[in-house]
């Protein structure tokens, strides 16, 4: 069984029903798609075999919205019915849809590396002093250089 993991709305409906707010949002989306299609409501009613004024009554809420209304209208308007429902009421964890379809979700992208701190400019004199000191110490170890007298 496919279950959605969305937060329940504040509408007073039983489990499994679309709340009034969600239904109104779906109707607004459908109406916007009808306008965008540049087709009249009557043209769509004729195409679907509905009586004159049925679509207007549905969009005004005089006729109760059913899933098949959304499905048929969405298909007629060339949009995916599921996208309407997910737009109106997105799940908390969208990966459940992929899991229900048997699709393994892609792993999340790795976190970006922390920014590299800007290094101060190289002090060439300090490097030369360090190299001289190291060379002197190594040469003294092998007895190739006499130790410098300690400063007094």
N, C-alpha and C. Protein backbone atom coordinates (compact mmCIF):
# COMPACT_ATOMS: atom_id res chain seq x y z
N UNK A 1 0.84 -1.19 0.00
CA UNK A 1 0.00 0.00 0.00
C UNK A 1 0.88 1.24 0.00
N UNK A 2 0.55 2.20 -0.81
CA UNK A 2 1.30 3.44 -0.89
C UNK A 2 0.72 4.40 0.15
N UNK A 3 1.58 4.94 0.98
CA UNK A 3 1.13 5.92 1.97
C UNK A 3 1.95 7.17 1.83
N UNK A 4 1.32 8.28 2.06
CA UNK A 4 2.00 9.56 2.00
C UNK A 4 2.41 9.96 3.40
N UNK A 5 3.51 10.64 3.50
CA UNK A 5 4.00 11.05 4.81
C UNK A 5 3.95 12.57 4.92
N UNK A 6 2.79 13.15 4.71
CA UNK A 6 2.66 14.59 4.81
C UNK A 6 2.03 14.94 6.14
N UNK A 7 2.23 16.18 6.55
CA UNK A 7 1.59 16.64 7.77
C UNK A 7 0.11 16.83 7.49
N UNK A 8 -0.76 16.45 8.41
CA UNK A 8 -2.18 16.67 8.18
C UNK A 8 -2.51 18.16 8.18
N UNK A 9 -3.49 18.53 7.40
CA UNK A 9 -3.89 19.93 7.34
C UNK A 9 -4.85 20.22 8.48
N UNK A 10 -5.15 21.48 8.66
CA UNK A 10 -6.04 21.88 9.74
C UNK A 10 -7.50 21.77 9.34
N UNK A 11 -7.77 21.30 8.13
CA UNK A 11 -9.15 21.18 7.68
C UNK A 11 -9.82 20.02 8.40
N UNK A 12 -11.13 20.13 8.56
CA UNK A 12 -11.89 19.12 9.30
C UNK A 12 -12.41 18.06 8.34
N UNK A 13 -11.51 17.23 7.87
CA UNK A 13 -11.90 16.14 6.99
C UNK A 13 -11.38 14.85 7.57
N UNK A 14 -11.97 13.76 7.14
CA UNK A 14 -11.50 12.47 7.63
C UNK A 14 -10.23 12.09 6.88
N UNK A 15 -9.51 11.13 7.43
CA UNK A 15 -8.27 10.67 6.82
C UNK A 15 -8.57 10.14 5.42
N UNK A 16 -7.73 10.50 4.47
CA UNK A 16 -7.89 10.02 3.10
C UNK A 16 -8.61 11.01 2.21
N UNK A 17 -9.19 12.06 2.77
CA UNK A 17 -9.86 13.05 1.95
C UNK A 17 -8.99 14.28 1.80
N UNK A 18 -9.17 14.94 0.69
CA UNK A 18 -8.45 16.18 0.45
C UNK A 18 -9.19 17.28 1.19
N UNK A 19 -8.46 18.11 1.90
CA UNK A 19 -9.08 19.22 2.63
C UNK A 19 -9.58 20.29 1.69
N UNK A 20 -10.42 21.16 2.23
CA UNK A 20 -11.01 22.23 1.43
C UNK A 20 -9.94 23.14 0.86
N UNK A 21 -8.91 23.46 1.69
CA UNK A 21 -7.85 24.34 1.21
C UNK A 21 -7.09 23.72 0.05
N UNK A 22 -6.78 22.43 0.17
CA UNK A 22 -6.06 21.74 -0.91
C UNK A 22 -6.90 21.70 -2.18
N UNK A 23 -8.19 21.42 -2.02
CA UNK A 23 -9.08 21.37 -3.19
C UNK A 23 -9.14 22.73 -3.88
N UNK A 24 -9.20 23.79 -3.10
CA UNK A 24 -9.25 25.13 -3.68
C UNK A 24 -7.94 25.44 -4.42
N UNK A 25 -6.81 25.02 -3.85
CA UNK A 25 -5.54 25.26 -4.53
C UNK A 25 -5.45 24.48 -5.83
N UNK A 26 -5.94 23.24 -5.82
CA UNK A 26 -5.95 22.44 -7.05
C UNK A 26 -6.83 23.11 -8.10
N UNK A 27 -7.99 23.60 -7.67
CA UNK A 27 -8.89 24.27 -8.62
C UNK A 27 -8.25 25.53 -9.19
N UNK A 28 -7.53 26.28 -8.35
CA UNK A 28 -6.85 27.49 -8.86
C UNK A 28 -5.76 27.11 -9.86
N UNK A 29 -5.02 26.02 -9.57
CA UNK A 29 -4.00 25.58 -10.52
C UNK A 29 -4.62 25.15 -11.84
N UNK A 30 -5.73 24.41 -11.76
CA UNK A 30 -6.40 23.96 -12.98
C UNK A 30 -6.93 25.16 -13.78
N UNK A 31 -7.51 26.12 -13.07
CA UNK A 31 -8.03 27.29 -13.77
C UNK A 31 -6.91 28.07 -14.45
N UNK A 32 -5.77 28.18 -13.79
CA UNK A 32 -4.62 28.87 -14.40
C UNK A 32 -4.14 28.12 -15.64
N UNK A 33 -4.15 26.80 -15.58
CA UNK A 33 -3.74 26.00 -16.74
C UNK A 33 -4.73 26.15 -17.89
N UNK A 34 -6.02 26.24 -17.56
CA UNK A 34 -7.05 26.44 -18.60
C UNK A 34 -6.81 27.78 -19.30
N UNK A 35 -6.57 28.82 -18.52
CA UNK A 35 -6.31 30.14 -19.09
C UNK A 35 -5.06 30.10 -19.96
N UNK A 36 -4.01 29.44 -19.45
CA UNK A 36 -2.75 29.36 -20.18
C UNK A 36 -2.89 28.56 -21.48
N UNK A 37 -3.83 27.62 -21.50
CA UNK A 37 -4.03 26.81 -22.72
C UNK A 37 -4.72 27.59 -23.83
N UNK A 38 -5.28 28.77 -23.47
CA UNK A 38 -5.98 29.62 -24.43
C UNK A 38 -7.18 28.91 -25.07
N UNK A 39 -7.77 28.01 -24.30
CA UNK A 39 -9.00 27.33 -24.75
C UNK A 39 -10.14 27.78 -23.85
N UNK A 40 -11.33 27.81 -24.41
CA UNK A 40 -12.48 28.21 -23.60
C UNK A 40 -12.92 27.02 -22.75
N UNK A 41 -13.62 27.35 -21.68
CA UNK A 41 -14.16 26.28 -20.83
C UNK A 41 -15.11 25.39 -21.65
N UNK A 42 -15.87 26.02 -22.51
CA UNK A 42 -16.84 25.26 -23.32
C UNK A 42 -16.12 24.27 -24.24
N UNK A 43 -15.00 24.69 -24.83
CA UNK A 43 -14.24 23.78 -25.69
C UNK A 43 -13.77 22.55 -24.89
N UNK A 44 -13.31 22.80 -23.69
CA UNK A 44 -12.84 21.70 -22.85
C UNK A 44 -14.01 20.81 -22.44
N UNK A 45 -15.15 21.42 -22.09
CA UNK A 45 -16.34 20.64 -21.73
C UNK A 45 -16.78 19.74 -22.88
N UNK A 46 -16.78 20.28 -24.09
CA UNK A 46 -17.17 19.48 -25.26
C UNK A 46 -16.21 18.31 -25.45
N UNK A 47 -14.93 18.61 -25.34
CA UNK A 47 -13.91 17.57 -25.54
C UNK A 47 -14.07 16.45 -24.51
N UNK A 48 -14.44 16.80 -23.28
CA UNK A 48 -14.59 15.81 -22.21
C UNK A 48 -15.98 15.20 -22.15
N UNK A 49 -16.91 15.74 -22.93
CA UNK A 49 -18.27 15.22 -22.93
C UNK A 49 -19.08 15.69 -21.73
N UNK A 50 -18.71 16.82 -21.18
CA UNK A 50 -19.42 17.37 -20.03
C UNK A 50 -20.49 18.35 -20.51
N UNK A 51 -21.50 18.54 -19.70
CA UNK A 51 -22.55 19.47 -20.09
C UNK A 51 -22.06 20.91 -19.95
N UNK A 52 -22.78 21.82 -20.62
CA UNK A 52 -22.39 23.22 -20.60
C UNK A 52 -22.50 23.76 -19.17
N UNK A 53 -21.45 24.45 -18.71
CA UNK A 53 -21.43 25.04 -17.38
C UNK A 53 -20.87 24.12 -16.29
N UNK A 54 -20.64 22.85 -16.65
CA UNK A 54 -20.15 21.90 -15.65
C UNK A 54 -18.77 22.31 -15.14
N UNK A 55 -17.89 22.69 -16.03
CA UNK A 55 -16.54 23.07 -15.65
C UNK A 55 -16.55 24.33 -14.79
N UNK A 56 -17.38 25.30 -15.16
CA UNK A 56 -17.50 26.52 -14.36
C UNK A 56 -18.01 26.21 -12.96
N UNK A 57 -18.99 25.33 -12.86
CA UNK A 57 -19.52 24.95 -11.55
C UNK A 57 -18.47 24.22 -10.73
N UNK A 58 -17.68 23.41 -11.39
CA UNK A 58 -16.62 22.68 -10.70
C UNK A 58 -15.57 23.66 -10.17
N UNK A 59 -15.16 24.61 -11.01
CA UNK A 59 -14.14 25.57 -10.61
C UNK A 59 -14.62 26.54 -9.53
N UNK A 60 -15.92 26.78 -9.46
CA UNK A 60 -16.47 27.66 -8.42
C UNK A 60 -16.79 26.91 -7.13
N UNK A 61 -16.65 25.60 -7.15
CA UNK A 61 -16.88 24.82 -5.94
C UNK A 61 -18.32 24.38 -5.75
N UNK A 62 -19.16 24.57 -6.74
CA UNK A 62 -20.56 24.13 -6.63
C UNK A 62 -20.68 22.62 -6.76
N UNK A 63 -19.73 22.04 -7.47
CA UNK A 63 -19.67 20.58 -7.63
C UNK A 63 -18.44 20.12 -6.87
N UNK A 64 -18.60 19.07 -6.07
CA UNK A 64 -17.48 18.55 -5.28
C UNK A 64 -16.37 18.01 -6.18
N UNK A 65 -15.14 18.41 -5.87
CA UNK A 65 -13.99 17.99 -6.67
C UNK A 65 -13.66 16.53 -6.37
N UNK A 66 -13.53 15.75 -7.41
CA UNK A 66 -13.17 14.33 -7.29
C UNK A 66 -11.81 14.12 -7.97
N UNK A 67 -11.16 13.05 -7.59
CA UNK A 67 -9.85 12.73 -8.16
C UNK A 67 -9.98 12.58 -9.68
N UNK A 68 -11.05 11.95 -10.13
CA UNK A 68 -11.18 11.76 -11.58
C UNK A 68 -11.33 13.08 -12.30
N UNK A 69 -11.93 14.12 -11.65
CA UNK A 69 -12.00 15.46 -12.27
C UNK A 69 -10.57 15.96 -12.53
N UNK A 70 -9.74 15.87 -11.49
CA UNK A 70 -8.37 16.35 -11.61
C UNK A 70 -7.63 15.56 -12.68
N UNK A 71 -7.79 14.25 -12.66
CA UNK A 71 -7.10 13.39 -13.62
C UNK A 71 -7.50 13.74 -15.06
N UNK A 72 -8.79 13.81 -15.31
CA UNK A 72 -9.28 14.06 -16.67
C UNK A 72 -8.89 15.45 -17.15
N UNK A 73 -9.06 16.46 -16.29
CA UNK A 73 -8.70 17.82 -16.69
C UNK A 73 -7.20 17.97 -16.91
N UNK A 74 -6.41 17.38 -16.02
CA UNK A 74 -4.96 17.48 -16.17
C UNK A 74 -4.52 16.85 -17.48
N UNK A 75 -5.03 15.68 -17.76
CA UNK A 75 -4.66 15.01 -19.02
C UNK A 75 -5.10 15.83 -20.23
N UNK A 76 -6.26 16.42 -20.16
CA UNK A 76 -6.76 17.23 -21.28
C UNK A 76 -5.89 18.47 -21.48
N UNK A 77 -5.36 19.00 -20.37
CA UNK A 77 -4.54 20.20 -20.44
C UNK A 77 -3.06 19.88 -20.69
N UNK A 78 -2.73 18.58 -20.73
CA UNK A 78 -1.36 18.17 -21.02
C UNK A 78 -0.40 18.28 -19.84
N UNK A 79 -0.93 18.15 -18.63
CA UNK A 79 -0.06 18.18 -17.45
C UNK A 79 -0.21 16.87 -16.69
N UNK A 80 0.79 16.56 -15.90
CA UNK A 80 0.78 15.31 -15.12
C UNK A 80 -0.11 15.50 -13.89
N UNK A 81 -1.14 14.66 -13.72
CA UNK A 81 -2.04 14.81 -12.57
C UNK A 81 -1.31 14.76 -11.23
N UNK A 82 -0.35 13.87 -11.09
CA UNK A 82 0.37 13.75 -9.82
C UNK A 82 1.08 15.05 -9.47
N UNK A 83 1.56 15.78 -10.47
CA UNK A 83 2.27 17.02 -10.19
C UNK A 83 1.36 18.04 -9.52
N UNK A 84 0.08 18.02 -9.87
CA UNK A 84 -0.86 18.94 -9.21
C UNK A 84 -0.97 18.62 -7.72
N UNK A 85 -1.14 17.34 -7.41
CA UNK A 85 -1.28 16.95 -6.01
C UNK A 85 -0.01 17.24 -5.23
N UNK A 86 1.15 16.99 -5.84
CA UNK A 86 2.41 17.23 -5.15
C UNK A 86 2.69 18.72 -5.00
N UNK A 87 2.21 19.53 -5.92
CA UNK A 87 2.37 20.97 -5.81
C UNK A 87 1.53 21.51 -4.66
N UNK A 88 0.32 21.01 -4.54
CA UNK A 88 -0.60 21.47 -3.51
C UNK A 88 -0.21 20.95 -2.13
N UNK A 89 0.23 19.73 -2.06
CA UNK A 89 0.53 19.11 -0.77
C UNK A 89 1.79 18.26 -0.88
N UNK A 90 2.97 18.91 -0.90
CA UNK A 90 4.21 18.15 -1.05
C UNK A 90 4.50 17.29 0.18
N UNK A 91 5.05 16.10 -0.02
CA UNK A 91 5.38 15.24 1.12
C UNK A 91 6.59 15.80 1.87
N UNK A 92 6.68 15.45 3.17
CA UNK A 92 7.84 15.89 3.95
C UNK A 92 9.11 15.29 3.38
N UNK A 93 9.06 14.02 2.98
CA UNK A 93 10.22 13.33 2.45
C UNK A 93 9.89 12.84 1.04
N UNK A 94 10.28 13.60 0.00
CA UNK A 94 9.91 13.23 -1.36
C UNK A 94 10.50 11.91 -1.84
N UNK A 95 11.49 11.38 -1.14
CA UNK A 95 12.09 10.13 -1.60
C UNK A 95 11.12 8.96 -1.50
N UNK A 96 10.06 9.10 -0.70
CA UNK A 96 9.12 7.99 -0.58
C UNK A 96 8.47 7.68 -1.92
N UNK A 97 8.30 8.70 -2.76
CA UNK A 97 7.69 8.47 -4.08
C UNK A 97 8.61 7.56 -4.91
N UNK A 98 9.89 7.88 -4.89
CA UNK A 98 10.85 7.06 -5.63
C UNK A 98 10.88 5.63 -5.08
N UNK A 99 10.86 5.51 -3.77
CA UNK A 99 10.87 4.18 -3.16
C UNK A 99 9.64 3.38 -3.57
N UNK A 100 8.47 4.02 -3.60
CA UNK A 100 7.24 3.34 -3.98
C UNK A 100 7.29 2.90 -5.45
N UNK A 101 8.02 3.64 -6.26
CA UNK A 101 8.16 3.29 -7.67
C UNK A 101 9.30 2.32 -7.92
N UNK A 102 10.03 1.96 -6.86
CA UNK A 102 11.14 1.02 -7.00
C UNK A 102 12.39 1.66 -7.55
N UNK A 103 12.51 2.96 -7.40
CA UNK A 103 13.68 3.69 -7.89
C UNK A 103 14.55 4.04 -6.69
N UNK A 104 15.82 3.74 -6.81
CA UNK A 104 16.74 4.08 -5.73
C UNK A 104 17.12 5.55 -5.86
N UNK A 105 16.87 6.33 -4.80
CA UNK A 105 17.21 7.75 -4.89
C UNK A 105 18.72 7.94 -4.98
N UNK A 106 19.12 8.96 -5.68
CA UNK A 106 20.54 9.28 -5.81
C UNK A 106 21.08 9.72 -4.46
N UNK A 107 22.32 9.34 -4.15
CA UNK A 107 22.88 9.78 -2.87
C UNK A 107 23.04 11.29 -2.86
N UNK A 108 22.96 11.89 -1.68
CA UNK A 108 23.10 13.35 -1.63
C UNK A 108 24.50 13.76 -2.06
N UNK A 109 24.62 14.92 -2.67
CA UNK A 109 25.94 15.36 -3.12
C UNK A 109 26.86 15.58 -1.91
N UNK A 110 28.16 15.37 -2.10
CA UNK A 110 29.07 15.58 -0.96
C UNK A 110 29.09 17.05 -0.56
N UNK A 111 29.37 17.24 0.72
CA UNK A 111 29.43 18.62 1.20
C UNK A 111 30.66 19.31 0.60
N UNK A 112 30.53 20.58 0.29
CA UNK A 112 31.67 21.27 -0.31
C UNK A 112 32.82 21.37 0.70
N UNK A 113 34.02 21.35 0.15
CA UNK A 113 35.21 21.46 0.99
C UNK A 113 35.25 22.84 1.64
N UNK A 114 35.78 22.90 2.85
CA UNK A 114 35.85 24.22 3.49
C UNK A 114 36.76 25.15 2.69
N UNK A 115 36.49 26.43 2.73
CA UNK A 115 37.30 27.35 1.93
C UNK A 115 38.75 27.35 2.42
N UNK A 116 39.64 27.44 1.48
CA UNK A 116 41.07 27.46 1.78
C UNK A 116 41.42 28.86 2.27
N UNK A 117 42.08 28.89 3.43
CA UNK A 117 42.46 30.18 3.97
C UNK A 117 43.60 30.77 3.14
N UNK A 118 43.56 32.06 2.98
CA UNK A 118 44.62 32.75 2.23
C UNK A 118 45.90 32.70 3.05
N UNK A 119 46.97 32.29 2.40
CA UNK A 119 48.26 32.20 3.09
C UNK A 119 48.97 33.54 2.98
N UNK A 120 49.70 33.87 4.03
CA UNK A 120 50.45 35.13 3.96
C UNK A 120 51.56 35.01 2.92
N UNK A 121 52.02 36.12 2.41
CA UNK A 121 53.10 36.07 1.41
C UNK A 121 54.36 35.44 2.02
N UNK A 122 55.16 34.81 1.15
CA UNK A 122 56.38 34.13 1.58
C UNK A 122 57.44 35.16 1.96
N UNK A 123 58.05 34.93 3.13
CA UNK A 123 59.15 35.79 3.58
C UNK A 123 60.44 35.07 3.20
N UNK A 124 61.02 35.46 2.05
CA UNK A 124 62.19 34.75 1.52
C UNK A 124 63.41 34.86 2.44
N UNK A 125 63.54 35.96 3.09
CA UNK A 125 64.69 36.11 4.01
C UNK A 125 64.60 35.12 5.16
N UNK A 126 63.38 34.93 5.69
CA UNK A 126 63.19 33.98 6.79
C UNK A 126 63.50 32.56 6.33
N UNK A 127 63.12 32.23 5.09
CA UNK A 127 63.39 30.89 4.56
C UNK A 127 64.90 30.69 4.38
N UNK A 128 65.57 31.69 3.84
CA UNK A 128 67.03 31.59 3.68
C UNK A 128 67.72 31.41 5.03
N UNK A 129 67.27 32.12 6.05
CA UNK A 129 67.86 31.98 7.39
C UNK A 129 67.65 30.57 7.92
N UNK A 130 66.45 30.00 7.72
CA UNK A 130 66.18 28.64 8.19
C UNK A 130 67.06 27.63 7.47
N UNK A 131 67.21 27.78 6.16
CA UNK A 131 68.03 26.85 5.37
C UNK A 131 69.49 26.95 5.83
N UNK A 132 70.01 28.16 6.02
CA UNK A 132 71.39 28.33 6.51
C UNK A 132 71.58 27.64 7.86
N UNK A 133 70.61 27.85 8.77
CA UNK A 133 70.71 27.27 10.11
C UNK A 133 70.72 25.74 10.03
N UNK A 134 69.81 25.17 9.21
CA UNK A 134 69.75 23.71 9.08
C UNK A 134 71.03 23.16 8.46
N UNK A 135 71.54 23.81 7.43
CA UNK A 135 72.79 23.37 6.80
C UNK A 135 73.95 23.42 7.79
N UNK A 136 74.03 24.50 8.53
CA UNK A 136 75.10 24.65 9.51
C UNK A 136 75.03 23.52 10.55
N UNK A 137 73.78 23.23 11.05
CA UNK A 137 73.62 22.16 12.06
C UNK A 137 74.05 20.81 11.49
N UNK A 138 73.66 20.52 10.24
CA UNK A 138 74.00 19.23 9.64
C UNK A 138 75.51 19.13 9.40
N UNK A 139 76.11 20.19 8.92
CA UNK A 139 77.55 20.17 8.69
C UNK A 139 78.31 20.02 10.01
N UNK A 140 77.83 20.61 11.08
CA UNK A 140 78.46 20.47 12.39
C UNK A 140 78.36 19.03 12.89
N UNK A 141 77.24 18.36 12.62
CA UNK A 141 77.07 16.97 13.05
C UNK A 141 78.13 16.08 12.43
N UNK A 142 78.46 16.32 11.19
CA UNK A 142 79.44 15.49 10.48
C UNK A 142 80.89 16.02 10.64
N UNK A 143 81.05 17.05 11.41
CA UNK A 143 82.37 17.60 11.68
C UNK A 143 82.98 18.34 10.52
N UNK A 144 82.14 18.78 9.61
CA UNK A 144 82.65 19.51 8.45
C UNK A 144 82.68 21.01 8.69
N UNK A 145 82.16 21.41 9.82
CA UNK A 145 82.11 22.85 10.13
C UNK A 145 82.29 22.99 11.63
N UNK A 146 83.10 23.92 12.01
CA UNK A 146 83.31 24.13 13.43
C UNK A 146 82.09 24.85 14.01
N UNK A 147 81.73 24.45 15.21
CA UNK A 147 80.60 25.08 15.86
C UNK A 147 80.89 26.52 16.13
N UNK A 148 79.85 27.35 15.95
CA UNK A 148 80.02 28.75 16.23
C UNK A 148 80.04 28.95 17.73
N UNK A 149 80.83 29.86 18.17
CA UNK A 149 80.83 30.11 19.61
C UNK A 149 79.48 30.69 20.02
N UNK A 150 79.03 30.27 21.20
CA UNK A 150 77.75 30.73 21.70
C UNK A 150 77.84 32.22 21.99
N UNK A 151 76.80 32.95 21.66
CA UNK A 151 76.83 34.38 21.93
C UNK A 151 76.88 34.62 23.44
N UNK A 152 77.67 35.61 23.84
CA UNK A 152 77.79 35.87 25.27
C UNK A 152 77.15 37.17 25.66
